[in-house]
Amino acid sequence: MPKDCEIGFLDADDVARAFAVMQVVMPSLSFETWKRLLATDSLRRQWAVARDSRGYIRGLVRIQPTSQGQAARILDVPIFATVSLLDHDGISRQLLDFAKKCAWEEGCEAIRFWNSAPETPEQLELPEATDPPVSLFYDLRTDRQWPEPYDTRPVKT
């Protein structure tokens, strides 16, 4: 039976719980480094979580708006992980929708999903300085979910 999850930005109370998910994704990441990566509210707002009714973290996504050279802005997603035996697809869909909403609000034209997690914690601190090996691009301009035409979205400069 699927359980509803609350999707939102990572809270200070979620740091330790989210680390359990990150250990699976990046075994070399220490808890001290993880706390440093999430030391401020603005740093925690670069992470989205799926939190179940008991407070357990069922999904974790790293979201970072960035510019692709002189090309359009993209939302970089080096981490997209879900942990659920009951509703893996539903949680993934909710996290994807949250990432799309963030990309839309940031004026991004696409989302870049990394095919593999960063090799070092330093790559999480500066993902724009890291060239991901292979990525999947999701073009938001072709997304039919948004009710208004793409060129009328809010633009962040």
N, C-alpha and C. Protein backbone atom coordinates (compact mmCIF):
# COMPACT_ATOMS: atom_id res chain seq x y z
N MET A 1 0.84 -1.17 0.00
CA MET A 1 0.00 0.00 0.00
C MET A 1 0.88 1.23 0.00
N PRO A 2 0.76 2.13 -1.01
CA PRO A 2 1.59 3.31 -1.09
C PRO A 2 1.32 4.27 0.07
N LYS A 3 2.36 4.89 0.53
CA LYS A 3 2.24 5.88 1.60
C LYS A 3 2.51 7.25 1.02
N ASP A 4 1.76 8.24 1.50
CA ASP A 4 1.98 9.60 1.03
C ASP A 4 3.27 10.14 1.60
N CYS A 5 3.98 10.86 0.78
CA CYS A 5 5.21 11.51 1.21
C CYS A 5 5.06 13.01 1.04
N GLU A 6 5.69 13.73 1.94
CA GLU A 6 5.76 15.17 1.83
C GLU A 6 7.06 15.47 1.07
N ILE A 7 6.95 16.28 0.03
CA ILE A 7 8.12 16.65 -0.76
C ILE A 7 8.45 18.10 -0.44
N GLY A 8 9.70 18.36 -0.15
CA GLY A 8 10.12 19.73 0.16
C GLY A 8 11.63 19.81 0.28
N PHE A 9 12.08 21.00 0.62
CA PHE A 9 13.51 21.19 0.80
C PHE A 9 13.97 20.53 2.09
N LEU A 10 15.22 20.17 2.14
CA LEU A 10 15.81 19.52 3.30
C LEU A 10 15.81 20.47 4.50
N ASP A 11 15.27 20.02 5.62
CA ASP A 11 15.27 20.79 6.87
C ASP A 11 16.48 20.42 7.70
N ALA A 12 16.83 21.29 8.65
CA ALA A 12 17.94 21.00 9.56
C ALA A 12 17.69 19.70 10.33
N ASP A 13 16.43 19.42 10.65
CA ASP A 13 16.09 18.20 11.39
C ASP A 13 16.27 16.93 10.56
N ASP A 14 16.37 17.08 9.23
CA ASP A 14 16.47 15.93 8.33
C ASP A 14 17.91 15.54 7.98
N VAL A 15 18.88 16.31 8.42
CA VAL A 15 20.27 16.10 7.99
C VAL A 15 20.75 14.68 8.32
N ALA A 16 20.56 14.24 9.54
CA ALA A 16 21.04 12.90 9.93
C ALA A 16 20.26 11.81 9.20
N ARG A 17 18.95 11.98 9.06
CA ARG A 17 18.14 10.97 8.39
C ARG A 17 18.50 10.87 6.90
N ALA A 18 18.75 11.99 6.28
CA ALA A 18 19.11 11.99 4.86
C ALA A 18 20.49 11.38 4.64
N PHE A 19 21.35 11.45 5.64
CA PHE A 19 22.68 10.86 5.50
C PHE A 19 22.60 9.35 5.26
N ALA A 20 21.61 8.70 5.84
CA ALA A 20 21.45 7.26 5.63
C ALA A 20 21.25 6.95 4.14
N VAL A 21 20.52 7.80 3.44
CA VAL A 21 20.32 7.63 1.99
C VAL A 21 21.62 7.93 1.26
N MET A 22 22.30 9.00 1.66
CA MET A 22 23.55 9.38 0.98
C MET A 22 24.64 8.34 1.14
N GLN A 23 24.66 7.62 2.24
CA GLN A 23 25.67 6.57 2.42
C GLN A 23 25.53 5.49 1.37
N VAL A 24 24.33 5.22 0.94
CA VAL A 24 24.11 4.23 -0.12
C VAL A 24 24.60 4.79 -1.45
N VAL A 25 24.34 6.06 -1.70
CA VAL A 25 24.71 6.70 -2.97
C VAL A 25 26.21 6.98 -3.04
N MET A 26 26.77 7.51 -1.96
CA MET A 26 28.19 7.87 -1.90
C MET A 26 28.81 7.30 -0.62
N PRO A 27 29.24 6.05 -0.64
CA PRO A 27 29.78 5.42 0.58
C PRO A 27 31.00 6.14 1.15
N SER A 28 31.74 6.89 0.34
CA SER A 28 32.93 7.57 0.83
C SER A 28 32.62 8.87 1.58
N LEU A 29 31.38 9.31 1.56
CA LEU A 29 30.98 10.56 2.20
C LEU A 29 30.92 10.37 3.72
N SER A 30 31.64 11.21 4.44
CA SER A 30 31.60 11.14 5.90
C SER A 30 30.46 12.01 6.43
N PHE A 31 30.03 11.71 7.65
CA PHE A 31 28.95 12.50 8.25
C PHE A 31 29.41 13.94 8.47
N GLU A 32 30.68 14.14 8.81
CA GLU A 32 31.20 15.50 9.02
C GLU A 32 31.13 16.31 7.73
N THR A 33 31.51 15.69 6.62
CA THR A 33 31.44 16.37 5.32
C THR A 33 29.99 16.65 4.97
N TRP A 34 29.11 15.68 5.21
CA TRP A 34 27.69 15.85 4.93
C TRP A 34 27.12 17.04 5.70
N LYS A 35 27.46 17.15 6.99
CA LYS A 35 26.98 18.29 7.79
C LYS A 35 27.53 19.61 7.24
N ARG A 36 28.77 19.61 6.76
CA ARG A 36 29.35 20.82 6.18
C ARG A 36 28.61 21.22 4.90
N LEU A 37 28.24 20.22 4.10
CA LEU A 37 27.51 20.49 2.86
C LEU A 37 26.13 21.09 3.12
N LEU A 38 25.61 20.89 4.33
CA LEU A 38 24.26 21.33 4.67
C LEU A 38 24.25 22.31 5.85
N ALA A 39 25.33 23.04 6.03
CA ALA A 39 25.51 23.87 7.21
C ALA A 39 24.54 25.05 7.30
N THR A 40 24.05 25.54 6.19
CA THR A 40 23.17 26.71 6.21
C THR A 40 21.84 26.39 5.52
N ASP A 41 20.87 27.24 5.77
CA ASP A 41 19.57 27.05 5.14
C ASP A 41 19.67 27.14 3.62
N SER A 42 20.49 28.05 3.11
CA SER A 42 20.62 28.16 1.65
C SER A 42 21.26 26.91 1.05
N LEU A 43 22.17 26.28 1.75
CA LEU A 43 22.76 25.03 1.27
C LEU A 43 21.74 23.88 1.32
N ARG A 44 20.93 23.85 2.37
CA ARG A 44 19.90 22.81 2.47
C ARG A 44 18.82 22.98 1.40
N ARG A 45 18.61 24.19 0.91
CA ARG A 45 17.62 24.42 -0.14
C ARG A 45 18.11 23.94 -1.51
N GLN A 46 19.30 23.40 -1.57
CA GLN A 46 19.80 22.77 -2.79
C GLN A 46 19.49 21.28 -2.80
N TRP A 47 18.75 20.83 -1.81
CA TRP A 47 18.38 19.43 -1.67
C TRP A 47 16.88 19.32 -1.46
N ALA A 48 16.24 18.41 -2.16
CA ALA A 48 14.83 18.12 -1.95
C ALA A 48 14.73 16.71 -1.37
N VAL A 49 13.75 16.52 -0.50
CA VAL A 49 13.56 15.22 0.12
C VAL A 49 12.10 14.79 0.02
N ALA A 50 11.91 13.49 0.04
CA ALA A 50 10.58 12.89 0.19
C ALA A 50 10.57 12.33 1.60
N ARG A 51 9.66 12.83 2.43
CA ARG A 51 9.58 12.47 3.84
C ARG A 51 8.25 11.76 4.08
N ASP A 52 8.30 10.55 4.63
CA ASP A 52 7.04 9.83 4.88
C ASP A 52 6.40 10.32 6.18
N SER A 53 5.24 9.78 6.50
CA SER A 53 4.47 10.26 7.65
C SER A 53 5.19 10.05 8.98
N ARG A 54 6.15 9.12 9.02
CA ARG A 54 6.92 8.89 10.25
C ARG A 54 8.21 9.70 10.29
N GLY A 55 8.46 10.49 9.24
CA GLY A 55 9.65 11.33 9.22
C GLY A 55 10.84 10.71 8.53
N TYR A 56 10.71 9.47 8.03
CA TYR A 56 11.82 8.82 7.34
C TYR A 56 12.01 9.44 5.95
N ILE A 57 13.25 9.55 5.54
CA ILE A 57 13.57 10.08 4.22
C ILE A 57 13.47 8.94 3.22
N ARG A 58 12.59 9.08 2.25
CA ARG A 58 12.35 8.06 1.22
C ARG A 58 12.95 8.44 -0.12
N GLY A 59 13.41 9.68 -0.24
CA GLY A 59 14.03 10.11 -1.48
C GLY A 59 14.83 11.38 -1.25
N LEU A 60 15.85 11.57 -2.08
CA LEU A 60 16.77 12.70 -1.92
C LEU A 60 17.24 13.14 -3.29
N VAL A 61 17.17 14.44 -3.54
CA VAL A 61 17.58 14.99 -4.84
C VAL A 61 18.42 16.24 -4.61
N ARG A 62 19.56 16.31 -5.28
CA ARG A 62 20.42 17.50 -5.24
C ARG A 62 20.04 18.35 -6.44
N ILE A 63 19.63 19.60 -6.23
CA ILE A 63 19.22 20.48 -7.32
C ILE A 63 20.05 21.75 -7.28
N GLN A 64 20.64 22.11 -8.42
CA GLN A 64 21.51 23.27 -8.50
C GLN A 64 21.31 23.97 -9.83
N PRO A 65 20.66 25.14 -9.84
CA PRO A 65 20.57 25.90 -11.09
C PRO A 65 21.96 26.35 -11.52
N THR A 66 22.24 26.25 -12.80
CA THR A 66 23.55 26.65 -13.31
C THR A 66 23.40 27.07 -14.77
N SER A 67 24.39 27.75 -15.27
CA SER A 67 24.40 28.15 -16.67
C SER A 67 25.31 27.22 -17.44
N GLN A 68 24.92 26.91 -18.64
CA GLN A 68 25.68 26.04 -19.53
C GLN A 68 26.44 26.94 -20.50
N GLY A 69 27.57 27.49 -20.05
CA GLY A 69 28.32 28.43 -20.89
C GLY A 69 27.45 29.64 -21.17
N GLN A 70 27.36 30.03 -22.42
CA GLN A 70 26.49 31.14 -22.80
C GLN A 70 25.11 30.65 -23.17
N ALA A 71 24.93 29.34 -23.09
CA ALA A 71 23.63 28.75 -23.41
C ALA A 71 22.65 28.99 -22.26
N ALA A 72 21.52 28.38 -22.35
CA ALA A 72 20.46 28.57 -21.38
C ALA A 72 20.82 28.01 -20.01
N ARG A 73 20.05 28.43 -19.02
CA ARG A 73 20.21 27.90 -17.66
C ARG A 73 19.63 26.50 -17.60
N ILE A 74 20.27 25.65 -16.80
CA ILE A 74 19.78 24.29 -16.57
C ILE A 74 19.75 24.03 -15.07
N LEU A 75 18.96 23.06 -14.69
CA LEU A 75 18.95 22.59 -13.31
C LEU A 75 19.79 21.32 -13.28
N ASP A 76 20.90 21.38 -12.58
CA ASP A 76 21.82 20.24 -12.49
C ASP A 76 21.35 19.33 -11.36
N VAL A 77 21.23 18.02 -11.64
CA VAL A 77 20.79 17.04 -10.65
C VAL A 77 21.82 15.90 -10.61
N PRO A 78 22.88 16.07 -9.78
CA PRO A 78 23.89 15.01 -9.69
C PRO A 78 23.44 13.83 -8.82
N ILE A 79 22.43 14.04 -7.96
CA ILE A 79 21.93 12.97 -7.08
C ILE A 79 20.41 12.92 -7.23
N PHE A 80 19.90 11.74 -7.53
CA PHE A 80 18.44 11.49 -7.54
C PHE A 80 18.27 10.07 -7.02
N ALA A 81 17.87 9.95 -5.77
CA ALA A 81 17.80 8.63 -5.14
C ALA A 81 16.48 8.46 -4.39
N THR A 82 15.88 7.29 -4.54
CA THR A 82 14.69 6.97 -3.77
C THR A 82 14.90 5.63 -3.06
N VAL A 83 14.29 5.51 -1.87
CA VAL A 83 14.40 4.30 -1.08
C VAL A 83 12.99 3.97 -0.59
N SER A 84 12.35 3.03 -1.27
CA SER A 84 11.01 2.63 -0.86
C SER A 84 10.67 1.30 -1.49
N LEU A 85 10.16 0.40 -0.70
CA LEU A 85 9.72 -0.89 -1.23
C LEU A 85 8.30 -0.82 -1.75
N LEU A 86 7.54 0.14 -1.27
CA LEU A 86 6.11 0.16 -1.57
C LEU A 86 5.72 1.08 -2.72
N ASP A 87 6.38 2.22 -2.85
CA ASP A 87 5.93 3.20 -3.84
C ASP A 87 7.11 3.91 -4.49
N HIS A 88 8.07 3.15 -4.96
CA HIS A 88 9.27 3.73 -5.57
C HIS A 88 8.92 4.66 -6.72
N ASP A 89 8.05 4.21 -7.63
CA ASP A 89 7.70 5.03 -8.80
C ASP A 89 6.95 6.30 -8.41
N GLY A 90 6.06 6.20 -7.43
CA GLY A 90 5.30 7.37 -6.99
C GLY A 90 6.19 8.42 -6.36
N ILE A 91 7.13 7.98 -5.53
CA ILE A 91 8.05 8.91 -4.89
C ILE A 91 8.96 9.55 -5.94
N SER A 92 9.44 8.75 -6.87
CA SER A 92 10.27 9.30 -7.95
C SER A 92 9.51 10.35 -8.75
N ARG A 93 8.25 10.08 -9.05
CA ARG A 93 7.42 11.03 -9.81
C ARG A 93 7.25 12.32 -9.04
N GLN A 94 6.98 12.22 -7.73
CA GLN A 94 6.81 13.42 -6.92
C GLN A 94 8.10 14.24 -6.85
N LEU A 95 9.23 13.57 -6.72
CA LEU A 95 10.51 14.29 -6.68
C LEU A 95 10.82 14.92 -8.04
N LEU A 96 10.51 14.21 -9.12
CA LEU A 96 10.71 14.78 -10.46
C LEU A 96 9.84 16.02 -10.63
N ASP A 97 8.59 15.96 -10.22
CA ASP A 97 7.71 17.12 -10.33
C ASP A 97 8.23 18.30 -9.52
N PHE A 98 8.78 18.02 -8.34
CA PHE A 98 9.36 19.08 -7.51
C PHE A 98 10.57 19.69 -8.20
N ALA A 99 11.42 18.85 -8.79
CA ALA A 99 12.59 19.36 -9.51
C ALA A 99 12.16 20.21 -10.71
N LYS A 100 11.13 19.77 -11.42
CA LYS A 100 10.63 20.55 -12.57
C LYS A 100 10.10 21.91 -12.11
N LYS A 101 9.39 21.91 -10.98
CA LYS A 101 8.87 23.18 -10.46
C LYS A 101 10.02 24.12 -10.09
N CYS A 102 11.05 23.58 -9.44
CA CYS A 102 12.22 24.40 -9.08
C CYS A 102 12.91 24.94 -10.34
N ALA A 103 13.06 24.08 -11.33
CA ALA A 103 13.70 24.51 -12.59
C ALA A 103 12.89 25.62 -13.23
N TRP A 104 11.59 25.44 -13.24
CA TRP A 104 10.68 26.43 -13.83
C TRP A 104 10.84 27.78 -13.12
N GLU A 105 10.83 27.75 -11.78
CA GLU A 105 10.94 28.98 -11.00
C GLU A 105 12.29 29.65 -11.15
N GLU A 106 13.33 28.87 -11.44
CA GLU A 106 14.68 29.41 -11.62
C GLU A 106 14.93 29.86 -13.06
N GLY A 107 13.95 29.68 -13.95
CA GLY A 107 14.12 30.09 -15.34
C GLY A 107 14.99 29.15 -16.15
N CYS A 108 15.04 27.89 -15.75
CA CYS A 108 15.85 26.90 -16.47
C CYS A 108 15.06 26.32 -17.64
N GLU A 109 15.77 25.97 -18.69
CA GLU A 109 15.13 25.37 -19.85
C GLU A 109 15.22 23.86 -19.86
N ALA A 110 16.09 23.30 -19.03
CA ALA A 110 16.26 21.85 -19.02
C ALA A 110 16.76 21.41 -17.65
N ILE A 111 16.62 20.11 -17.41
CA ILE A 111 17.18 19.49 -16.21
C ILE A 111 18.21 18.47 -16.68
N ARG A 112 19.40 18.53 -16.08
CA ARG A 112 20.45 17.56 -16.42
C ARG A 112 20.59 16.57 -15.27
N PHE A 113 20.23 15.32 -15.53
CA PHE A 113 20.37 14.24 -14.55
C PHE A 113 21.68 13.51 -14.82
N TRP A 114 22.54 13.44 -13.81
CA TRP A 114 23.78 12.70 -13.94
C TRP A 114 23.47 11.21 -13.94
N ASN A 115 24.17 10.45 -14.77
CA ASN A 115 23.96 9.00 -14.82
C ASN A 115 24.58 8.28 -13.63
N SER A 116 25.56 8.90 -13.00
CA SER A 116 26.16 8.30 -11.81
C SER A 116 26.45 9.40 -10.80
N ALA A 117 26.51 9.02 -9.55
CA ALA A 117 26.77 9.98 -8.49
C ALA A 117 28.19 10.54 -8.62
N PRO A 118 28.40 11.74 -8.13
CA PRO A 118 29.76 12.29 -8.13
C PRO A 118 30.72 11.35 -7.39
N GLU A 119 31.95 11.33 -7.83
CA GLU A 119 32.93 10.44 -7.22
C GLU A 119 33.46 10.94 -5.89
N THR A 120 33.46 12.25 -5.71
CA THR A 120 33.97 12.83 -4.47
C THR A 120 32.97 13.82 -3.89
N PRO A 121 33.02 14.02 -2.58
CA PRO A 121 32.14 15.03 -1.96
C PRO A 121 32.39 16.44 -2.49
N GLU A 122 33.61 16.73 -2.90
CA GLU A 122 33.94 18.05 -3.43
C GLU A 122 33.11 18.36 -4.68
N GLN A 123 32.79 17.34 -5.45
CA GLN A 123 31.98 17.55 -6.64
C GLN A 123 30.55 17.94 -6.28
N LEU A 124 30.11 17.62 -5.08
CA LEU A 124 28.79 18.07 -4.62
C LEU A 124 28.81 19.54 -4.22
N GLU A 125 29.98 20.01 -3.76
CA GLU A 125 30.08 21.40 -3.34
C GLU A 125 30.10 22.34 -4.54
N LEU A 126 30.73 21.92 -5.62
CA LEU A 126 30.83 22.74 -6.83
C LEU A 126 30.47 21.93 -8.06
N PRO A 127 29.20 21.54 -8.20
CA PRO A 127 28.84 20.70 -9.34
C PRO A 127 29.05 21.40 -10.68
N GLU A 128 28.97 22.74 -10.70
CA GLU A 128 29.16 23.45 -11.96
C GLU A 128 30.60 23.37 -12.44
N ALA A 129 31.55 23.08 -11.52
CA ALA A 129 32.95 22.95 -11.90
C ALA A 129 33.28 21.52 -12.33
N THR A 130 32.32 20.64 -12.20
CA THR A 130 32.51 19.23 -12.53
C THR A 130 31.83 18.91 -13.85
N ASP A 131 32.54 18.22 -14.70
CA ASP A 131 31.96 17.80 -15.97
C ASP A 131 31.42 16.39 -15.79
N PRO A 132 30.08 16.23 -15.72
CA PRO A 132 29.55 14.88 -15.50
C PRO A 132 29.89 13.97 -16.67
N PRO A 133 30.16 12.69 -16.39
CA PRO A 133 30.57 11.77 -17.45
C PRO A 133 29.53 11.62 -18.55
N VAL A 134 28.33 11.25 -18.20
CA VAL A 134 27.23 11.09 -19.14
C VAL A 134 25.98 11.58 -18.43
N SER A 135 25.11 12.27 -19.15
CA SER A 135 23.93 12.83 -18.52
C SER A 135 22.70 12.65 -19.39
N LEU A 136 21.57 12.74 -18.74
CA LEU A 136 20.29 12.73 -19.42
C LEU A 136 19.71 14.13 -19.30
N PHE A 137 19.34 14.74 -20.43
CA PHE A 137 18.73 16.07 -20.41
C PHE A 137 17.23 15.95 -20.59
N TYR A 138 16.49 16.62 -19.71
CA TYR A 138 15.03 16.68 -19.80
C TYR A 138 14.68 18.10 -20.22
N ASP A 139 14.18 18.27 -21.43
CA ASP A 139 13.87 19.59 -21.98
C ASP A 139 12.51 20.05 -21.48
N LEU A 140 12.50 21.07 -20.63
CA LEU A 140 11.26 21.57 -20.07
C LEU A 140 10.38 22.27 -21.10
N ARG A 141 10.98 22.71 -22.19
CA ARG A 141 10.19 23.40 -23.22
C ARG A 141 9.20 22.47 -23.90
N THR A 142 9.41 21.16 -23.78
CA THR A 142 8.49 20.21 -24.38
C THR A 142 7.55 19.58 -23.35
N ASP A 143 7.64 20.02 -22.11
CA ASP A 143 6.81 19.46 -21.04
C ASP A 143 5.40 20.03 -21.14
N ARG A 144 4.44 19.18 -21.24
CA ARG A 144 3.05 19.62 -21.38
C ARG A 144 2.36 19.81 -20.03
N GLN A 145 3.09 19.60 -18.95
CA GLN A 145 2.50 19.73 -17.61
C GLN A 145 2.14 21.18 -17.29
N TRP A 146 2.90 22.12 -17.80
CA TRP A 146 2.71 23.51 -17.42
C TRP A 146 1.57 24.12 -18.22
N PRO A 147 0.64 24.80 -17.54
CA PRO A 147 -0.55 25.31 -18.22
C PRO A 147 -0.28 26.47 -19.17
N GLU A 148 0.70 27.31 -18.87
CA GLU A 148 0.96 28.44 -19.73
C GLU A 148 2.07 28.11 -20.73
N PRO A 149 2.15 28.86 -21.82
CA PRO A 149 3.24 28.61 -22.78
C PRO A 149 4.59 28.80 -22.11
N TYR A 150 5.57 28.04 -22.57
CA TYR A 150 6.87 28.04 -21.92
C TYR A 150 7.49 29.42 -21.87
N ASP A 151 7.33 30.22 -22.92
CA ASP A 151 8.00 31.52 -22.95
C ASP A 151 7.36 32.55 -22.01
N THR A 152 6.31 32.18 -21.26
CA THR A 152 5.71 33.10 -20.31
C THR A 152 6.08 32.75 -18.87
N ARG A 153 6.98 31.80 -18.69
CA ARG A 153 7.38 31.40 -17.33
C ARG A 153 8.15 32.53 -16.66
N PRO A 154 8.21 32.52 -15.33
CA PRO A 154 9.02 33.52 -14.64
C PRO A 154 10.49 33.30 -14.98
N VAL A 155 11.20 34.37 -15.16
CA VAL A 155 12.62 34.28 -15.51
C VAL A 155 13.44 34.87 -14.39
N LYS A 156 14.40 34.10 -13.91
CA LYS A 156 15.30 34.57 -12.87
C LYS A 156 16.60 34.96 -13.54
N THR A 157 17.04 36.16 -13.27
CA THR A 157 18.30 36.62 -13.88
C THR A 157 19.36 36.85 -12.86
